[in-house]
Amino acid sequence: MNAPTYPINVFWSAEDGAWVADVPDLPFCSATGDTPHDAVAEVEVAIEAWLEAAQSSGRPVPAPSARLARA
């Protein structure tokens, strides 16, 4: 699947004791990791799963809210 690029917020959660990567455009799509890189890697997997689940159940898939520049 060639997934669109969604903005990802990454922050430290003292409550969870981990880095959190959150995708604001996809409800309840987030992941944690020991490092910011780990959290982003995990949320990229979660994004693909979220999109596949939405498509297979007929739910609408939102477009990314922001256009991200790629190098």
C-alpha atoms as a PDB file:
ATOM      1  CA  MET A   1       0.000   0.000   0.000  1.00  0.00           C
ATOM      2  CA  ASN A   2       1.328   3.440  -0.891  1.00  0.00           C
ATOM      3  CA  ALA A   3       0.088   5.364   2.139  1.00  0.00           C
ATOM      4  CA  PRO A   4      -0.243   9.148   2.101  1.00  0.00           C
ATOM      5  CA  THR A   5       2.105  11.058   4.394  1.00  0.00           C
ATOM      6  CA  TYR A   6       0.313  12.168   7.539  1.00  0.00           C
ATOM      7  CA  PRO A   7       1.727  14.683  10.029  1.00  0.00           C
ATOM      8  CA  ILE A   8       3.059  12.993  13.169  1.00  0.00           C
ATOM      9  CA  ASN A   9       3.427  14.679  16.567  1.00  0.00           C
ATOM     10  CA  VAL A  10       6.183  13.246  18.755  1.00  0.00           C
ATOM     11  CA  PHE A  11       6.458  14.029  22.465  1.00  0.00           C
ATOM     12  CA  TRP A  12       7.732  12.607  25.738  1.00  0.00           C
ATOM     13  CA  SER A  13       5.057  11.226  28.065  1.00  0.00           C
ATOM     14  CA  ALA A  14       6.192  11.120  31.690  1.00  0.00           C
ATOM     15  CA  GLU A  15       2.998   9.237  32.531  1.00  0.00           C
ATOM     16  CA  ASP A  16       3.853   6.450  30.066  1.00  0.00           C
ATOM     17  CA  GLY A  17       7.615   6.714  30.530  1.00  0.00           C
ATOM     18  CA  ALA A  18       8.007   6.635  26.754  1.00  0.00           C
ATOM     19  CA  TRP A  19       8.063   8.711  23.604  1.00  0.00           C
ATOM     20  CA  VAL A  20       4.660   8.981  21.933  1.00  0.00           C
ATOM     21  CA  ALA A  21       4.010   9.444  18.216  1.00  0.00           C
ATOM     22  CA  ASP A  22       0.472  10.613  17.481  1.00  0.00           C
ATOM     23  CA  VAL A  23      -1.299  11.070  14.142  1.00  0.00           C
ATOM     24  CA  PRO A  24      -3.901  13.829  14.649  1.00  0.00           C
ATOM     25  CA  ASP A  25      -5.668  13.145  11.332  1.00  0.00           C
ATOM     26  CA  LEU A  26      -6.379   9.495  12.243  1.00  0.00           C
ATOM     27  CA  PRO A  27      -8.426   9.095  15.440  1.00  0.00           C
ATOM     28  CA  PHE A  28      -6.777   6.894  18.071  1.00  0.00           C
ATOM     29  CA  CYS A  29      -3.713   6.282  15.885  1.00  0.00           C
ATOM     30  CA  SER A  30      -0.627   6.507  18.076  1.00  0.00           C
ATOM     31  CA  ALA A  31       2.324   4.455  19.244  1.00  0.00           C
ATOM     32  CA  THR A  32       5.089   4.564  21.831  1.00  0.00           C
ATOM     33  CA  GLY A  33       8.796   3.837  21.807  1.00  0.00           C
ATOM     34  CA  ASP A  34      11.971   4.091  23.850  1.00  0.00           C
ATOM     35  CA  THR A  35      13.268   6.811  21.497  1.00  0.00           C
ATOM     36  CA  PRO A  36      11.534   9.308  19.215  1.00  0.00           C
ATOM     37  CA  HIS A  37      12.742   7.269  16.230  1.00  0.00           C
ATOM     38  CA  ASP A  38      11.260   4.059  17.686  1.00  0.00           C
ATOM     39  CA  ALA A  39       7.915   5.782  18.310  1.00  0.00           C
ATOM     40  CA  VAL A  40       7.765   7.076  14.725  1.00  0.00           C
ATOM     41  CA  ALA A  41       8.695   3.659  13.312  1.00  0.00           C
ATOM     42  CA  GLU A  42       5.903   2.067  15.352  1.00  0.00           C
ATOM     43  CA  VAL A  43       3.316   4.682  14.381  1.00  0.00           C
ATOM     44  CA  GLU A  44       4.156   4.199  10.698  1.00  0.00           C
ATOM     45  CA  VAL A  45       3.081   0.562  11.127  1.00  0.00           C
ATOM     46  CA  ALA A  46      -0.037   1.764  12.987  1.00  0.00           C
ATOM     47  CA  ILE A  47      -0.902   4.170  10.147  1.00  0.00           C
ATOM     48  CA  GLU A  48      -0.841   1.347   7.593  1.00  0.00           C
ATOM     49  CA  ALA A  49      -3.008  -0.827   9.849  1.00  0.00           C
ATOM     50  CA  TRP A  50      -5.432   2.050  10.484  1.00  0.00           C
ATOM     51  CA  LEU A  51      -5.797   2.733   6.751  1.00  0.00           C
ATOM     52  CA  GLU A  52      -6.252  -0.943   5.875  1.00  0.00           C
ATOM     53  CA  ALA A  53      -8.900  -1.369   8.591  1.00  0.00           C
ATOM     54  CA  ALA A  54     -10.768   1.755   7.456  1.00  0.00           C
ATOM     55  CA  GLN A  55     -10.740   0.709   3.816  1.00  0.00           C
ATOM     56  CA  SER A  56     -11.833  -2.867   4.527  1.00  0.00           C
ATOM     57  CA  SER A  57     -14.736  -1.682   6.689  1.00  0.00           C
ATOM     58  CA  GLY A  58     -15.808   1.063   4.301  1.00  0.00           C
ATOM     59  CA  ARG A  59     -14.938   3.922   6.641  1.00  0.00           C
ATOM     60  CA  PRO A  60     -13.793   7.145   4.997  1.00  0.00           C
ATOM     61  CA  VAL A  61     -10.053   7.766   4.941  1.00  0.00           C
ATOM     62  CA  PRO A  62      -9.176  11.397   5.658  1.00  0.00           C
ATOM     63  CA  ALA A  63      -6.656  13.221   3.518  1.00  0.00           C
ATOM     64  CA  PRO A  64      -3.559  14.459   5.342  1.00  0.00           C
ATOM     65  CA  SER A  65      -4.188  17.882   6.877  1.00  0.00           C
ATOM     66  CA  ALA A  66      -0.799  19.291   5.955  1.00  0.00           C
ATOM     67  CA  ARG A  67       1.509  18.917   3.038  1.00  0.00           C
ATOM     68  CA  LEU A  68       4.948  17.826   4.165  1.00  0.00           C
ATOM     69  CA  ALA A  69       8.080  18.646   2.225  1.00  0.00           C
ATOM     70  CA  ARG A  70      10.194  15.666   1.231  1.00  0.00           C
ATOM     71  CA  ALA A  71      13.897  15.858   0.606  1.00  0.00           C
END
